[in-house]
Amino acid sequence: MSKKFIELHLGSHVIIHGFDAQNKEISERVEASEFTKKLVAVSRIKSVSETFILTDYSNGRLVYWEYQDDYKTIKKVLTK
């Protein structure tokens, strides 16, 4: 049985709102003062790097989240 949610410690993030007429990303940086524990639906995760987790957001947007967790642990949980 695959996991439906994963608990992560997420902090600052960049919201991708779309693209302008010149095909340049329209983004908004949100600074967080600390990391917060959140449950994230695994189905929303698009990719994971050692620094960021890319997820779906509302209204077709995407979000790059900074995270505090260990990459190898997240990889292990997601690939089970």
N, C-alpha and C. Protein backbone atom coordinates (compact mmCIF):
# COMPACT_ATOMS: atom_id res chain seq x y z
N MET A 1 0.85 -1.19 0.00
CA MET A 1 0.00 0.00 0.00
C MET A 1 0.88 1.24 0.00
N SER A 2 0.68 2.13 -0.96
CA SER A 2 1.51 3.34 -1.04
C SER A 2 0.97 4.40 -0.09
N LYS A 3 1.88 5.28 0.32
CA LYS A 3 1.51 6.35 1.24
C LYS A 3 0.73 7.43 0.50
N LYS A 4 -0.24 8.00 1.17
CA LYS A 4 -1.01 9.09 0.58
C LYS A 4 -0.47 10.45 1.00
N PHE A 5 0.18 10.50 2.19
CA PHE A 5 0.73 11.75 2.71
C PHE A 5 2.13 11.50 3.25
N ILE A 6 2.94 12.55 3.24
CA ILE A 6 4.26 12.50 3.83
C ILE A 6 4.40 13.73 4.73
N GLU A 7 4.98 13.55 5.91
CA GLU A 7 5.20 14.66 6.83
C GLU A 7 6.55 15.29 6.51
N LEU A 8 6.54 16.61 6.28
CA LEU A 8 7.75 17.34 5.92
C LEU A 8 7.88 18.60 6.76
N HIS A 9 9.10 19.10 6.89
CA HIS A 9 9.37 20.38 7.55
C HIS A 9 9.68 21.39 6.44
N LEU A 10 8.70 22.24 6.12
CA LEU A 10 8.79 23.17 5.01
C LEU A 10 9.00 24.59 5.49
N GLY A 11 9.74 25.37 4.69
CA GLY A 11 10.05 26.75 5.08
C GLY A 11 9.72 27.71 3.96
N SER A 12 10.69 28.56 3.63
CA SER A 12 10.50 29.55 2.58
C SER A 12 10.18 28.85 1.27
N HIS A 13 9.48 29.55 0.40
CA HIS A 13 9.08 28.93 -0.85
C HIS A 13 8.90 29.96 -1.96
N VAL A 14 8.89 29.46 -3.19
CA VAL A 14 8.67 30.30 -4.36
C VAL A 14 7.44 29.77 -5.07
N ILE A 15 6.46 30.65 -5.25
CA ILE A 15 5.22 30.30 -5.95
C ILE A 15 5.38 30.70 -7.41
N ILE A 16 5.15 29.76 -8.32
CA ILE A 16 5.18 30.05 -9.75
C ILE A 16 3.74 30.28 -10.21
N HIS A 17 3.46 31.54 -10.58
CA HIS A 17 2.09 31.93 -10.93
C HIS A 17 1.78 31.68 -12.41
N GLY A 18 2.80 31.51 -13.21
CA GLY A 18 2.60 31.31 -14.64
C GLY A 18 3.71 32.00 -15.41
N PHE A 19 3.41 32.44 -16.63
CA PHE A 19 4.41 33.06 -17.49
C PHE A 19 3.85 34.35 -18.09
N ASP A 20 4.75 35.33 -18.32
CA ASP A 20 4.33 36.58 -18.94
C ASP A 20 4.37 36.45 -20.46
N ALA A 21 4.13 37.55 -21.16
CA ALA A 21 4.08 37.54 -22.63
C ALA A 21 5.42 37.17 -23.26
N GLN A 22 6.52 37.35 -22.54
CA GLN A 22 7.86 37.00 -23.03
C GLN A 22 8.28 35.60 -22.56
N ASN A 23 7.33 34.83 -22.03
CA ASN A 23 7.55 33.47 -21.55
C ASN A 23 8.50 33.41 -20.35
N LYS A 24 8.54 34.50 -19.58
CA LYS A 24 9.34 34.54 -18.35
C LYS A 24 8.44 34.17 -17.18
N GLU A 25 8.97 33.31 -16.28
CA GLU A 25 8.17 32.90 -15.12
C GLU A 25 7.78 34.10 -14.27
N ILE A 26 6.54 34.07 -13.82
CA ILE A 26 6.07 35.05 -12.85
C ILE A 26 6.10 34.35 -11.51
N SER A 27 7.01 34.79 -10.64
CA SER A 27 7.18 34.09 -9.36
C SER A 27 7.10 35.05 -8.18
N GLU A 28 6.81 34.48 -7.04
CA GLU A 28 6.68 35.24 -5.79
C GLU A 28 7.44 34.49 -4.70
N ARG A 29 8.43 35.12 -4.12
CA ARG A 29 9.23 34.51 -3.04
C ARG A 29 8.55 34.81 -1.71
N VAL A 30 8.33 33.78 -0.90
CA VAL A 30 7.73 33.92 0.43
C VAL A 30 8.76 33.45 1.45
N GLU A 31 9.22 34.36 2.30
CA GLU A 31 10.22 34.05 3.31
C GLU A 31 9.53 33.59 4.60
N ALA A 32 9.95 32.47 5.11
CA ALA A 32 9.43 31.96 6.38
C ALA A 32 10.52 32.12 7.43
N SER A 33 10.14 32.47 8.63
CA SER A 33 11.11 32.67 9.70
C SER A 33 11.61 31.35 10.28
N GLU A 34 10.82 30.29 10.06
CA GLU A 34 11.23 28.97 10.55
C GLU A 34 10.53 27.89 9.72
N PHE A 35 10.99 26.67 9.85
CA PHE A 35 10.37 25.55 9.18
C PHE A 35 9.15 25.10 9.97
N THR A 36 8.11 24.68 9.24
CA THR A 36 6.86 24.24 9.85
C THR A 36 6.56 22.82 9.39
N LYS A 37 6.12 21.99 10.32
CA LYS A 37 5.75 20.61 10.00
C LYS A 37 4.42 20.62 9.25
N LYS A 38 4.39 19.95 8.09
CA LYS A 38 3.17 19.88 7.28
C LYS A 38 3.00 18.47 6.72
N LEU A 39 1.76 18.06 6.54
CA LEU A 39 1.46 16.84 5.81
C LEU A 39 1.20 17.24 4.36
N VAL A 40 1.90 16.59 3.43
CA VAL A 40 1.77 16.91 2.01
C VAL A 40 1.26 15.66 1.30
N ALA A 41 0.26 15.83 0.46
CA ALA A 41 -0.23 14.71 -0.34
C ALA A 41 0.85 14.29 -1.32
N VAL A 42 1.21 13.03 -1.30
CA VAL A 42 2.25 12.51 -2.19
C VAL A 42 1.88 12.78 -3.64
N SER A 43 0.62 12.74 -3.98
CA SER A 43 0.17 12.97 -5.35
C SER A 43 0.47 14.39 -5.83
N ARG A 44 0.73 15.34 -4.92
CA ARG A 44 1.04 16.72 -5.30
C ARG A 44 2.52 16.93 -5.58
N ILE A 45 3.38 15.99 -5.18
CA ILE A 45 4.83 16.15 -5.34
C ILE A 45 5.23 15.84 -6.77
N LYS A 46 5.91 16.80 -7.40
CA LYS A 46 6.37 16.67 -8.79
C LYS A 46 7.82 16.22 -8.85
N SER A 47 8.67 16.76 -7.95
CA SER A 47 10.07 16.37 -7.92
C SER A 47 10.68 16.77 -6.59
N VAL A 48 11.84 16.14 -6.29
CA VAL A 48 12.56 16.41 -5.05
C VAL A 48 14.04 16.54 -5.39
N SER A 49 14.66 17.62 -4.92
CA SER A 49 16.11 17.77 -5.02
C SER A 49 16.65 17.80 -3.60
N GLU A 50 17.94 18.01 -3.45
CA GLU A 50 18.50 18.05 -2.10
C GLU A 50 18.14 19.35 -1.37
N THR A 51 17.55 20.31 -2.07
CA THR A 51 17.19 21.59 -1.47
C THR A 51 15.70 21.89 -1.52
N PHE A 52 15.05 21.51 -2.62
CA PHE A 52 13.65 21.88 -2.84
C PHE A 52 12.76 20.68 -3.13
N ILE A 53 11.48 20.86 -2.78
CA ILE A 53 10.43 19.94 -3.19
C ILE A 53 9.46 20.75 -4.04
N LEU A 54 9.21 20.30 -5.26
CA LEU A 54 8.29 20.98 -6.17
C LEU A 54 6.93 20.31 -6.04
N THR A 55 5.90 21.12 -5.74
CA THR A 55 4.55 20.58 -5.59
C THR A 55 3.55 21.40 -6.40
N ASP A 56 2.42 20.74 -6.69
CA ASP A 56 1.26 21.47 -7.22
C ASP A 56 0.77 22.42 -6.16
N TYR A 57 0.15 23.51 -6.58
CA TYR A 57 -0.44 24.49 -5.68
C TYR A 57 -1.84 24.77 -6.21
N SER A 58 -2.50 25.74 -5.71
CA SER A 58 -3.87 26.03 -6.15
C SER A 58 -3.88 26.73 -7.51
N ASN A 59 -4.99 26.59 -8.21
CA ASN A 59 -5.24 27.26 -9.49
C ASN A 59 -4.15 27.03 -10.54
N GLY A 60 -3.60 25.80 -10.59
CA GLY A 60 -2.62 25.46 -11.60
C GLY A 60 -1.21 25.97 -11.36
N ARG A 61 -0.97 26.55 -10.20
CA ARG A 61 0.36 27.07 -9.89
C ARG A 61 1.24 25.95 -9.32
N LEU A 62 2.54 26.23 -9.24
CA LEU A 62 3.52 25.32 -8.66
C LEU A 62 4.25 26.03 -7.53
N VAL A 63 4.81 25.25 -6.60
CA VAL A 63 5.58 25.84 -5.50
C VAL A 63 6.86 25.05 -5.29
N TYR A 64 7.97 25.77 -5.20
CA TYR A 64 9.25 25.20 -4.79
C TYR A 64 9.41 25.46 -3.31
N TRP A 65 9.35 24.42 -2.49
CA TRP A 65 9.48 24.54 -1.03
C TRP A 65 10.91 24.21 -0.60
N GLU A 66 11.49 25.03 0.25
CA GLU A 66 12.72 24.63 0.94
C GLU A 66 12.30 23.68 2.04
N TYR A 67 13.10 22.65 2.28
CA TYR A 67 12.74 21.70 3.32
C TYR A 67 13.94 21.40 4.20
N GLN A 68 13.66 20.93 5.40
CA GLN A 68 14.68 20.69 6.41
C GLN A 68 15.00 19.20 6.56
N ASP A 69 14.20 18.35 5.98
CA ASP A 69 14.34 16.91 6.16
C ASP A 69 15.52 16.37 5.35
N ASP A 70 15.86 15.13 5.59
CA ASP A 70 16.95 14.46 4.91
C ASP A 70 16.50 13.93 3.55
N TYR A 71 17.22 14.28 2.49
CA TYR A 71 16.87 13.87 1.14
C TYR A 71 16.75 12.34 1.01
N LYS A 72 17.72 11.63 1.55
CA LYS A 72 17.72 10.17 1.43
C LYS A 72 16.50 9.55 2.10
N THR A 73 16.08 10.12 3.23
CA THR A 73 14.90 9.61 3.93
C THR A 73 13.64 9.86 3.10
N ILE A 74 13.52 11.06 2.54
CA ILE A 74 12.35 11.39 1.72
C ILE A 74 12.33 10.48 0.48
N LYS A 75 13.47 10.30 -0.15
CA LYS A 75 13.56 9.44 -1.33
C LYS A 75 13.11 8.02 -0.99
N LYS A 76 13.56 7.52 0.14
CA LYS A 76 13.20 6.16 0.57
C LYS A 76 11.70 6.02 0.76
N VAL A 77 11.09 7.01 1.43
CA VAL A 77 9.65 6.99 1.69
C VAL A 77 8.86 7.06 0.38
N LEU A 78 9.28 7.94 -0.54
CA LEU A 78 8.54 8.13 -1.79
C LEU A 78 8.71 6.99 -2.79
N THR A 79 9.80 6.27 -2.70
CA THR A 79 10.05 5.22 -3.69
C THR A 79 9.67 3.82 -3.18
N LYS A 80 9.11 3.73 -1.98
CA LYS A 80 8.66 2.44 -1.44
C LYS A 80 7.48 1.93 -2.19
